[in-house]
Amino acid sequence: VRRVRQALHVVNRRLGHEVTVTADQPDAVMGSTVVALLGNQERAVCLWAGDSRCYLWRNQRLYQLSRDHSLMQQLIHEEQVDPLEAARHPAANALTRAVGAHERLVLDILEFSVQPGDTLLLCSDGLYQSVSTGILSHALGLLSPEAAVDYLFSHALSGPARDNISAVVMRR
């Protein structure tokens, strides 16, 4: 976990200084969301910044393990507005954290146990915004991680797919 955090902090500095400062536009900000998963036997650690997500499929139930670092999530968390009102906010999808967006990178870290049969999904917002939670659940319940990714991409790409999509599915 320490080495992954260090590597992400190095990338954050490089994006913040070397890439952004030397870009043609001095005010440009270059950043990226990140979600990473480390596992060892029955323990796992998820690290993230931004709105890429980590999901757990366990006992026929879908759990979102990560919490988005977006203005919408911040407004909901601070109980300033209800989820429907937050979604209508003009800057709802603005990220509050990302690699390269700020001088100091703040990562959330969640450690949890992994049980036999658990399936984990790491994905970008382009995927989960393009499919329903029902589609996510169905995909993660399929026989293999490969089948799950194929199913998710098929459904995401058959719709509007307004953003890049990426996904990794793992099963214990």
N, C-alpha and C. Protein backbone atom coordinates (compact mmCIF):
# COMPACT_ATOMS: atom_id res chain seq x y z
N VAL A 1 0.84 -1.18 0.00
CA VAL A 1 0.00 0.00 0.00
C VAL A 1 0.88 1.25 0.00
N ARG A 2 1.94 1.20 0.80
CA ARG A 2 2.85 2.35 0.86
C ARG A 2 3.47 2.63 -0.50
N ARG A 3 3.89 1.59 -1.22
CA ARG A 3 4.52 1.79 -2.54
C ARG A 3 3.52 2.31 -3.57
N VAL A 4 2.30 1.84 -3.52
CA VAL A 4 1.28 2.34 -4.46
C VAL A 4 0.99 3.81 -4.16
N ARG A 5 0.86 4.15 -2.89
CA ARG A 5 0.63 5.55 -2.52
C ARG A 5 1.78 6.43 -2.98
N GLN A 6 3.02 5.97 -2.76
CA GLN A 6 4.18 6.74 -3.19
C GLN A 6 4.18 6.94 -4.70
N ALA A 7 3.88 5.89 -5.45
CA ALA A 7 3.86 5.99 -6.92
C ALA A 7 2.79 6.99 -7.37
N LEU A 8 1.63 6.97 -6.74
CA LEU A 8 0.57 7.91 -7.11
C LEU A 8 0.95 9.35 -6.75
N HIS A 9 1.65 9.52 -5.65
CA HIS A 9 2.11 10.87 -5.29
C HIS A 9 3.15 11.38 -6.29
N VAL A 10 4.01 10.50 -6.78
CA VAL A 10 4.99 10.88 -7.81
C VAL A 10 4.25 11.30 -9.08
N VAL A 11 3.27 10.52 -9.50
CA VAL A 11 2.49 10.86 -10.69
C VAL A 11 1.78 12.20 -10.48
N ASN A 12 1.24 12.41 -9.29
CA ASN A 12 0.56 13.67 -8.98
C ASN A 12 1.51 14.85 -9.15
N ARG A 13 2.72 14.73 -8.62
CA ARG A 13 3.70 15.82 -8.76
C ARG A 13 4.06 16.04 -10.22
N ARG A 14 4.27 14.96 -10.96
CA ARG A 14 4.64 15.10 -12.37
C ARG A 14 3.52 15.75 -13.16
N LEU A 15 2.29 15.33 -12.95
CA LEU A 15 1.17 15.96 -13.66
C LEU A 15 1.02 17.42 -13.25
N GLY A 16 1.17 17.68 -11.96
CA GLY A 16 0.99 19.03 -11.46
C GLY A 16 2.07 19.99 -11.86
N HIS A 17 3.30 19.52 -11.98
CA HIS A 17 4.41 20.42 -12.26
C HIS A 17 4.95 20.27 -13.68
N GLU A 18 5.46 19.13 -13.99
CA GLU A 18 6.14 18.94 -15.27
C GLU A 18 5.21 19.02 -16.47
N VAL A 19 4.05 18.42 -16.37
CA VAL A 19 3.14 18.38 -17.53
C VAL A 19 2.31 19.66 -17.62
N THR A 20 1.64 20.01 -16.52
CA THR A 20 0.74 21.17 -16.54
C THR A 20 1.49 22.48 -16.74
N VAL A 21 2.59 22.67 -16.04
CA VAL A 21 3.32 23.94 -16.12
C VAL A 21 3.95 24.13 -17.49
N THR A 22 4.36 23.04 -18.14
CA THR A 22 5.00 23.17 -19.45
C THR A 22 3.98 23.11 -20.59
N ALA A 23 2.72 22.93 -20.27
CA ALA A 23 1.70 22.88 -21.33
C ALA A 23 1.60 24.26 -22.00
N ASP A 24 1.03 24.27 -23.19
CA ASP A 24 0.87 25.53 -23.94
C ASP A 24 0.03 26.54 -23.18
N GLN A 25 -0.89 26.04 -22.36
CA GLN A 25 -1.74 26.93 -21.59
C GLN A 25 -1.30 26.87 -20.13
N PRO A 26 -0.73 27.94 -19.60
CA PRO A 26 -0.21 27.90 -18.23
C PRO A 26 -1.27 27.63 -17.16
N ASP A 27 -2.54 27.90 -17.44
CA ASP A 27 -3.60 27.66 -16.46
C ASP A 27 -4.23 26.28 -16.61
N ALA A 28 -3.76 25.48 -17.54
CA ALA A 28 -4.34 24.16 -17.76
C ALA A 28 -4.07 23.25 -16.58
N VAL A 29 -5.04 22.41 -16.26
CA VAL A 29 -4.88 21.40 -15.21
C VAL A 29 -5.11 20.06 -15.86
N MET A 30 -4.16 19.15 -15.65
CA MET A 30 -4.29 17.81 -16.19
C MET A 30 -4.39 16.85 -15.02
N GLY A 31 -5.44 16.07 -14.99
CA GLY A 31 -5.63 15.14 -13.89
C GLY A 31 -6.34 13.89 -14.34
N SER A 32 -6.42 12.95 -13.44
CA SER A 32 -7.09 11.69 -13.72
C SER A 32 -7.62 11.10 -12.43
N THR A 33 -8.72 10.39 -12.55
CA THR A 33 -9.20 9.62 -11.42
C THR A 33 -8.37 8.35 -11.34
N VAL A 34 -8.39 7.72 -10.19
CA VAL A 34 -7.67 6.46 -10.02
C VAL A 34 -8.42 5.61 -9.01
N VAL A 35 -8.44 4.31 -9.26
CA VAL A 35 -8.91 3.33 -8.28
C VAL A 35 -7.98 2.14 -8.42
N ALA A 36 -7.46 1.69 -7.27
CA ALA A 36 -6.51 0.56 -7.27
C ALA A 36 -6.94 -0.43 -6.19
N LEU A 37 -6.63 -1.68 -6.44
CA LEU A 37 -6.98 -2.74 -5.50
C LEU A 37 -5.77 -3.63 -5.29
N LEU A 38 -5.44 -3.85 -4.04
CA LEU A 38 -4.36 -4.76 -3.66
C LEU A 38 -4.97 -5.87 -2.83
N GLY A 39 -4.57 -7.10 -3.09
CA GLY A 39 -5.13 -8.22 -2.33
C GLY A 39 -4.07 -9.22 -1.94
N ASN A 40 -4.32 -9.88 -0.80
CA ASN A 40 -3.43 -10.92 -0.32
C ASN A 40 -4.28 -11.88 0.51
N GLN A 41 -4.51 -13.07 -0.04
CA GLN A 41 -5.34 -14.07 0.62
C GLN A 41 -6.74 -13.50 0.86
N GLU A 42 -7.14 -13.35 2.12
CA GLU A 42 -8.49 -12.89 2.40
C GLU A 42 -8.57 -11.41 2.79
N ARG A 43 -7.51 -10.64 2.54
CA ARG A 43 -7.51 -9.21 2.82
C ARG A 43 -7.36 -8.44 1.52
N ALA A 44 -7.99 -7.28 1.44
CA ALA A 44 -7.85 -6.41 0.27
C ALA A 44 -7.84 -4.96 0.74
N VAL A 45 -7.21 -4.13 -0.07
CA VAL A 45 -7.16 -2.69 0.19
C VAL A 45 -7.49 -1.98 -1.11
N CYS A 46 -8.42 -1.06 -1.04
CA CYS A 46 -8.79 -0.23 -2.19
C CYS A 46 -8.34 1.20 -1.90
N LEU A 47 -7.68 1.81 -2.91
CA LEU A 47 -7.26 3.21 -2.82
C LEU A 47 -7.89 3.95 -3.99
N TRP A 48 -8.35 5.18 -3.77
CA TRP A 48 -8.94 5.92 -4.89
C TRP A 48 -8.92 7.42 -4.67
N ALA A 49 -9.01 8.12 -5.79
CA ALA A 49 -9.20 9.57 -5.82
C ALA A 49 -10.03 9.86 -7.06
N GLY A 50 -11.10 10.60 -6.89
CA GLY A 50 -11.98 10.90 -8.02
C GLY A 50 -13.23 10.06 -8.00
N ASP A 51 -13.79 9.85 -9.19
CA ASP A 51 -15.06 9.13 -9.25
C ASP A 51 -14.98 7.78 -9.96
N SER A 52 -13.79 7.24 -10.12
CA SER A 52 -13.71 5.83 -10.51
C SER A 52 -14.08 5.02 -9.29
N ARG A 53 -14.71 3.85 -9.49
CA ARG A 53 -15.30 3.14 -8.37
C ARG A 53 -14.79 1.71 -8.19
N CYS A 54 -15.00 1.23 -6.97
CA CYS A 54 -14.77 -0.16 -6.62
C CYS A 54 -16.09 -0.71 -6.10
N TYR A 55 -16.54 -1.81 -6.72
CA TYR A 55 -17.76 -2.50 -6.30
C TYR A 55 -17.41 -3.90 -5.82
N LEU A 56 -18.21 -4.41 -4.88
CA LEU A 56 -18.09 -5.78 -4.39
C LEU A 56 -19.42 -6.48 -4.63
N TRP A 57 -19.35 -7.66 -5.26
CA TRP A 57 -20.53 -8.52 -5.45
C TRP A 57 -20.35 -9.69 -4.49
N ARG A 58 -21.20 -9.75 -3.47
CA ARG A 58 -21.10 -10.80 -2.45
C ARG A 58 -22.50 -11.30 -2.10
N ASN A 59 -22.66 -12.62 -2.13
CA ASN A 59 -23.95 -13.24 -1.76
C ASN A 59 -25.12 -12.61 -2.51
N GLN A 60 -24.94 -12.45 -3.82
CA GLN A 60 -25.99 -11.93 -4.70
C GLN A 60 -26.38 -10.48 -4.41
N ARG A 61 -25.47 -9.72 -3.76
CA ARG A 61 -25.73 -8.31 -3.49
C ARG A 61 -24.56 -7.47 -3.97
N LEU A 62 -24.88 -6.28 -4.48
CA LEU A 62 -23.88 -5.35 -4.99
C LEU A 62 -23.63 -4.25 -3.96
N TYR A 63 -22.35 -4.03 -3.64
CA TYR A 63 -21.95 -2.98 -2.70
C TYR A 63 -20.98 -2.03 -3.40
N GLN A 64 -21.23 -0.75 -3.29
CA GLN A 64 -20.26 0.24 -3.77
C GLN A 64 -19.33 0.53 -2.60
N LEU A 65 -18.04 0.14 -2.74
CA LEU A 65 -17.09 0.31 -1.65
C LEU A 65 -16.48 1.70 -1.61
N SER A 66 -16.24 2.27 -2.77
CA SER A 66 -15.64 3.61 -2.83
C SER A 66 -16.74 4.66 -2.82
N ARG A 67 -16.37 5.87 -2.41
CA ARG A 67 -17.31 6.99 -2.45
C ARG A 67 -16.73 8.05 -3.36
N ASP A 68 -17.52 8.51 -4.31
CA ASP A 68 -17.06 9.47 -5.31
C ASP A 68 -16.54 10.75 -4.67
N HIS A 69 -15.46 11.26 -5.23
CA HIS A 69 -14.94 12.57 -4.85
C HIS A 69 -15.44 13.57 -5.89
N SER A 70 -16.71 13.92 -5.77
CA SER A 70 -17.35 14.85 -6.70
C SER A 70 -18.14 15.87 -5.89
N LEU A 71 -18.45 16.99 -6.52
CA LEU A 71 -19.25 18.01 -5.85
C LEU A 71 -20.60 17.44 -5.45
N MET A 72 -21.21 16.64 -6.33
CA MET A 72 -22.52 16.05 -6.03
C MET A 72 -22.44 15.22 -4.74
N GLN A 73 -21.46 14.34 -4.63
CA GLN A 73 -21.33 13.50 -3.44
C GLN A 73 -21.04 14.34 -2.21
N GLN A 74 -20.25 15.38 -2.36
CA GLN A 74 -19.93 16.27 -1.24
C GLN A 74 -21.19 16.97 -0.74
N LEU A 75 -22.01 17.47 -1.66
CA LEU A 75 -23.25 18.14 -1.27
C LEU A 75 -24.19 17.18 -0.54
N ILE A 76 -24.28 15.96 -1.02
CA ILE A 76 -25.13 14.95 -0.38
C ILE A 76 -24.58 14.61 1.00
N HIS A 77 -23.28 14.38 1.08
CA HIS A 77 -22.65 13.99 2.34
C HIS A 77 -22.80 15.08 3.41
N GLU A 78 -22.67 16.31 2.99
CA GLU A 78 -22.79 17.42 3.94
C GLU A 78 -24.26 17.76 4.22
N GLU A 79 -25.17 16.96 3.62
CA GLU A 79 -26.61 17.12 3.81
C GLU A 79 -27.11 18.51 3.44
N GLN A 80 -26.46 19.10 2.45
CA GLN A 80 -26.91 20.41 1.98
C GLN A 80 -28.11 20.25 1.04
N VAL A 81 -28.13 19.14 0.30
CA VAL A 81 -29.23 18.90 -0.64
C VAL A 81 -29.50 17.41 -0.73
N ASP A 82 -30.69 17.07 -1.23
CA ASP A 82 -31.00 15.65 -1.43
C ASP A 82 -30.37 15.18 -2.73
N PRO A 83 -30.24 13.86 -2.94
CA PRO A 83 -29.55 13.34 -4.13
C PRO A 83 -30.11 13.84 -5.47
N LEU A 84 -31.41 13.98 -5.60
CA LEU A 84 -31.98 14.45 -6.86
C LEU A 84 -31.60 15.90 -7.13
N GLU A 85 -31.65 16.71 -6.08
CA GLU A 85 -31.28 18.12 -6.22
C GLU A 85 -29.79 18.25 -6.52
N ALA A 86 -28.96 17.44 -5.86
CA ALA A 86 -27.52 17.47 -6.09
C ALA A 86 -27.19 17.09 -7.53
N ALA A 87 -27.90 16.12 -8.08
CA ALA A 87 -27.65 15.68 -9.46
C ALA A 87 -27.97 16.79 -10.46
N ARG A 88 -28.87 17.69 -10.11
CA ARG A 88 -29.25 18.79 -11.02
C ARG A 88 -28.31 19.98 -10.92
N HIS A 89 -27.42 19.97 -9.94
CA HIS A 89 -26.48 21.08 -9.76
C HIS A 89 -25.63 21.20 -11.02
N PRO A 90 -25.40 22.43 -11.52
CA PRO A 90 -24.65 22.60 -12.77
C PRO A 90 -23.22 22.03 -12.74
N ALA A 91 -22.63 21.96 -11.56
CA ALA A 91 -21.28 21.41 -11.45
C ALA A 91 -21.27 20.08 -10.71
N ALA A 92 -22.36 19.33 -10.77
CA ALA A 92 -22.50 18.09 -10.01
C ALA A 92 -21.37 17.11 -10.26
N ASN A 93 -20.91 17.00 -11.49
CA ASN A 93 -19.88 16.03 -11.82
C ASN A 93 -18.45 16.55 -11.64
N ALA A 94 -18.30 17.78 -11.17
CA ALA A 94 -16.97 18.32 -10.94
C ALA A 94 -16.26 17.50 -9.86
N LEU A 95 -15.02 17.14 -10.14
CA LEU A 95 -14.25 16.33 -9.19
C LEU A 95 -13.67 17.20 -8.08
N THR A 96 -13.70 16.69 -6.88
CA THR A 96 -13.08 17.38 -5.75
C THR A 96 -11.69 16.81 -5.45
N ARG A 97 -11.38 15.65 -6.02
CA ARG A 97 -10.05 15.05 -5.91
C ARG A 97 -9.72 14.34 -7.20
N ALA A 98 -8.45 14.39 -7.59
CA ALA A 98 -7.95 13.65 -8.76
C ALA A 98 -6.44 13.71 -8.73
N VAL A 99 -5.81 12.74 -9.35
CA VAL A 99 -4.35 12.74 -9.45
C VAL A 99 -3.96 13.85 -10.42
N GLY A 100 -3.12 14.77 -9.97
CA GLY A 100 -2.64 15.86 -10.81
C GLY A 100 -3.44 17.14 -10.72
N ALA A 101 -4.59 17.10 -10.06
CA ALA A 101 -5.45 18.28 -10.01
C ALA A 101 -5.06 19.27 -8.91
N HIS A 102 -4.41 18.78 -7.88
CA HIS A 102 -4.02 19.62 -6.75
C HIS A 102 -2.57 19.32 -6.38
N GLU A 103 -1.94 20.26 -5.71
CA GLU A 103 -0.55 20.05 -5.31
C GLU A 103 -0.42 18.85 -4.37
N ARG A 104 -1.38 18.69 -3.49
CA ARG A 104 -1.35 17.58 -2.53
C ARG A 104 -2.43 16.57 -2.91
N LEU A 105 -2.03 15.33 -3.13
CA LEU A 105 -2.97 14.26 -3.45
C LEU A 105 -3.48 13.63 -2.17
N VAL A 106 -4.80 13.55 -2.05
CA VAL A 106 -5.42 12.89 -0.90
C VAL A 106 -6.16 11.67 -1.43
N LEU A 107 -5.75 10.50 -0.97
CA LEU A 107 -6.36 9.24 -1.36
C LEU A 107 -7.24 8.72 -0.24
N ASP A 108 -8.37 8.14 -0.58
CA ASP A 108 -9.14 7.39 0.41
C ASP A 108 -8.66 5.96 0.34
N ILE A 109 -8.63 5.30 1.50
CA ILE A 109 -8.17 3.91 1.57
C ILE A 109 -9.18 3.13 2.40
N LEU A 110 -9.57 1.97 1.87
CA LEU A 110 -10.50 1.09 2.56
C LEU A 110 -9.90 -0.31 2.60
N GLU A 111 -9.75 -0.86 3.79
CA GLU A 111 -9.28 -2.23 3.95
C GLU A 111 -10.49 -3.09 4.30
N PHE A 112 -10.58 -4.27 3.69
CA PHE A 112 -11.73 -5.14 3.93
C PHE A 112 -11.34 -6.60 3.71
N SER A 113 -12.19 -7.49 4.18
CA SER A 113 -11.95 -8.92 3.99
C SER A 113 -12.61 -9.37 2.70
N VAL A 114 -12.00 -10.37 2.08
CA VAL A 114 -12.52 -10.95 0.84
C VAL A 114 -12.84 -12.41 1.12
N GLN A 115 -14.03 -12.82 0.71
CA GLN A 115 -14.49 -14.19 0.95
C GLN A 115 -14.50 -14.97 -0.36
N PRO A 116 -14.40 -16.30 -0.26
CA PRO A 116 -14.50 -17.11 -1.48
C PRO A 116 -15.81 -16.79 -2.21
N GLY A 117 -15.72 -16.62 -3.52
CA GLY A 117 -16.90 -16.29 -4.34
C GLY A 117 -17.11 -14.81 -4.53
N ASP A 118 -16.41 -13.96 -3.77
CA ASP A 118 -16.54 -12.51 -3.95
C ASP A 118 -16.04 -12.12 -5.33
N THR A 119 -16.73 -11.16 -5.94
CA THR A 119 -16.31 -10.60 -7.21
C THR A 119 -16.14 -9.10 -7.01
N LEU A 120 -15.04 -8.56 -7.53
CA LEU A 120 -14.75 -7.14 -7.39
C LEU A 120 -14.67 -6.50 -8.77
N LEU A 121 -15.21 -5.31 -8.87
CA LEU A 121 -15.20 -4.54 -10.11
C LEU A 121 -14.56 -3.19 -9.83
N LEU A 122 -13.54 -2.85 -10.61
CA LEU A 122 -12.97 -1.51 -10.64
C LEU A 122 -13.40 -0.91 -11.96
N CYS A 123 -13.95 0.31 -11.95
CA CYS A 123 -14.41 0.87 -13.22
C CYS A 123 -14.42 2.39 -13.20
N SER A 124 -14.43 2.94 -14.39
CA SER A 124 -14.50 4.38 -14.57
C SER A 124 -15.96 4.83 -14.57
N ASP A 125 -16.15 6.14 -14.44
CA ASP A 125 -17.51 6.69 -14.45
C ASP A 125 -18.19 6.47 -15.79
N GLY A 126 -17.41 6.37 -16.85
CA GLY A 126 -18.00 6.11 -18.17
C GLY A 126 -18.75 4.80 -18.21
N LEU A 127 -18.33 3.84 -17.41
CA LEU A 127 -19.04 2.55 -17.37
C LEU A 127 -20.27 2.65 -16.48
N TYR A 128 -20.11 2.99 -15.21
CA TYR A 128 -21.27 2.93 -14.31
C TYR A 128 -22.33 3.97 -14.63
N GLN A 129 -21.98 5.05 -15.33
CA GLN A 129 -23.01 6.01 -15.73
C GLN A 129 -23.76 5.55 -16.98
N SER A 130 -23.21 4.55 -17.67
CA SER A 130 -23.83 4.06 -18.90
C SER A 130 -24.72 2.85 -18.69
N VAL A 131 -24.64 2.23 -17.51
CA VAL A 131 -25.45 1.04 -17.24
C VAL A 131 -26.12 1.18 -15.87
N SER A 132 -27.17 0.42 -15.68
CA SER A 132 -27.90 0.46 -14.40
C SER A 132 -27.20 -0.43 -13.38
N THR A 133 -27.58 -0.27 -12.12
CA THR A 133 -27.04 -1.15 -11.09
C THR A 133 -27.50 -2.59 -11.32
N GLY A 134 -28.67 -2.75 -11.95
CA GLY A 134 -29.14 -4.10 -12.30
C GLY A 134 -28.20 -4.78 -13.29
N ILE A 135 -27.74 -4.02 -14.27
CA ILE A 135 -26.77 -4.55 -15.25
C ILE A 135 -25.46 -4.89 -14.56
N LEU A 136 -24.98 -4.00 -13.68
CA LEU A 136 -23.75 -4.29 -12.92
C LEU A 136 -23.90 -5.57 -12.12
N SER A 137 -25.01 -5.71 -11.41
CA SER A 137 -25.25 -6.90 -10.60
C SER A 137 -25.29 -8.16 -11.44
N HIS A 138 -26.04 -8.11 -12.52
CA HIS A 138 -26.14 -9.29 -13.39
C HIS A 138 -24.77 -9.69 -13.92
N ALA A 139 -24.00 -8.72 -14.37
CA ALA A 139 -22.68 -9.01 -14.94
C ALA A 139 -21.77 -9.67 -13.91
N LEU A 140 -21.76 -9.16 -12.69
CA LEU A 140 -20.86 -9.69 -11.69
C LEU A 140 -21.29 -11.06 -11.19
N GLY A 141 -22.52 -11.43 -11.46
CA GLY A 141 -23.01 -12.76 -11.11
C GLY A 141 -22.74 -13.80 -12.18
N LEU A 142 -22.18 -13.41 -13.33
CA LEU A 142 -21.88 -14.36 -14.40
C LEU A 142 -20.74 -15.28 -14.00
N LEU A 143 -20.57 -16.35 -14.77
CA LEU A 143 -19.61 -17.40 -14.40
C LEU A 143 -18.16 -16.98 -14.35
N SER A 144 -17.75 -16.06 -15.22
CA SER A 144 -16.33 -15.70 -15.25
C SER A 144 -16.16 -14.19 -15.29
N PRO A 145 -15.01 -13.70 -14.83
CA PRO A 145 -14.72 -12.26 -14.94
C PRO A 145 -14.72 -11.79 -16.39
N GLU A 146 -14.22 -12.63 -17.31
CA GLU A 146 -14.20 -12.27 -18.73
C GLU A 146 -15.62 -12.05 -19.26
N ALA A 147 -16.53 -12.95 -18.89
CA ALA A 147 -17.93 -12.81 -19.31
C ALA A 147 -18.54 -11.55 -18.73
N ALA A 148 -18.19 -11.23 -17.49
CA ALA A 148 -18.72 -10.02 -16.85
C ALA A 148 -18.27 -8.77 -17.60
N VAL A 149 -16.98 -8.68 -17.93
CA VAL A 149 -16.46 -7.52 -18.66
C VAL A 149 -17.11 -7.42 -20.03
N ASP A 150 -17.22 -8.53 -20.73
CA ASP A 150 -17.87 -8.53 -22.05
C ASP A 150 -19.30 -8.02 -21.95
N TYR A 151 -20.05 -8.49 -20.97
CA TYR A 151 -21.44 -8.10 -20.77
C TYR A 151 -21.53 -6.60 -20.46
N LEU A 152 -20.68 -6.12 -19.56
CA LEU A 152 -20.70 -4.71 -19.19
C LEU A 152 -20.37 -3.80 -20.38
N PHE A 153 -19.32 -4.16 -21.11
CA PHE A 153 -18.93 -3.34 -22.26
C PHE A 153 -20.00 -3.37 -23.34
N SER A 154 -20.59 -4.52 -23.57
CA SER A 154 -21.64 -4.63 -24.58
C SER A 154 -22.80 -3.69 -24.25
N HIS A 155 -23.22 -3.68 -22.99
CA HIS A 155 -24.33 -2.82 -22.59
C HIS A 155 -23.93 -1.34 -22.58
N ALA A 156 -22.74 -1.04 -22.11
CA ALA A 156 -22.31 0.37 -22.06
C ALA A 156 -22.16 0.94 -23.46
N LEU A 157 -21.60 0.16 -24.37
CA LEU A 157 -21.37 0.66 -25.73
C LEU A 157 -22.63 0.68 -26.59
N SER A 158 -23.66 -0.04 -26.17
CA SER A 158 -24.92 -0.01 -26.94
C SER A 158 -25.75 1.22 -26.60
N GLY A 159 -25.37 1.93 -25.53
CA GLY A 159 -26.07 3.15 -25.13
C GLY A 159 -25.30 4.37 -25.57
N PRO A 160 -25.51 5.49 -24.90
CA PRO A 160 -24.86 6.73 -25.31
C PRO A 160 -23.36 6.77 -25.04
N ALA A 161 -22.86 6.04 -24.03
CA ALA A 161 -21.43 6.00 -23.69
C ALA A 161 -20.78 7.38 -23.87
N ARG A 162 -21.13 8.29 -22.98
CA ARG A 162 -20.66 9.68 -23.08
C ARG A 162 -19.23 9.89 -22.65
N ASP A 163 -18.58 8.86 -22.14
CA ASP A 163 -17.23 9.02 -21.62
C ASP A 163 -16.45 7.74 -21.90
N ASN A 164 -15.14 7.80 -21.69
CA ASN A 164 -14.33 6.59 -21.82
C ASN A 164 -14.80 5.56 -20.81
N ILE A 165 -14.72 4.29 -21.19
CA ILE A 165 -15.10 3.24 -20.25
C ILE A 165 -13.91 2.31 -20.01
N SER A 166 -13.77 1.94 -18.76
CA SER A 166 -12.75 0.96 -18.41
C SER A 166 -13.29 0.12 -17.25
N ALA A 167 -12.86 -1.14 -17.20
CA ALA A 167 -13.32 -2.03 -16.15
C ALA A 167 -12.34 -3.18 -15.98
N VAL A 168 -12.20 -3.60 -14.73
CA VAL A 168 -11.44 -4.79 -14.38
C VAL A 168 -12.33 -5.57 -13.42
N VAL A 169 -12.50 -6.86 -13.67
CA VAL A 169 -13.29 -7.72 -12.80
C VAL A 169 -12.40 -8.83 -12.28
N MET A 170 -12.45 -9.05 -10.97
CA MET A 170 -11.66 -10.10 -10.32
C MET A 170 -12.57 -10.93 -9.43
N ARG A 171 -12.27 -12.21 -9.33
CA ARG A 171 -13.07 -13.08 -8.47
C ARG A 171 -12.14 -13.90 -7.58
N ARG A 172 -12.53 -14.05 -6.34
CA ARG A 172 -11.76 -14.91 -5.42
C ARG A 172 -12.40 -16.27 -5.40
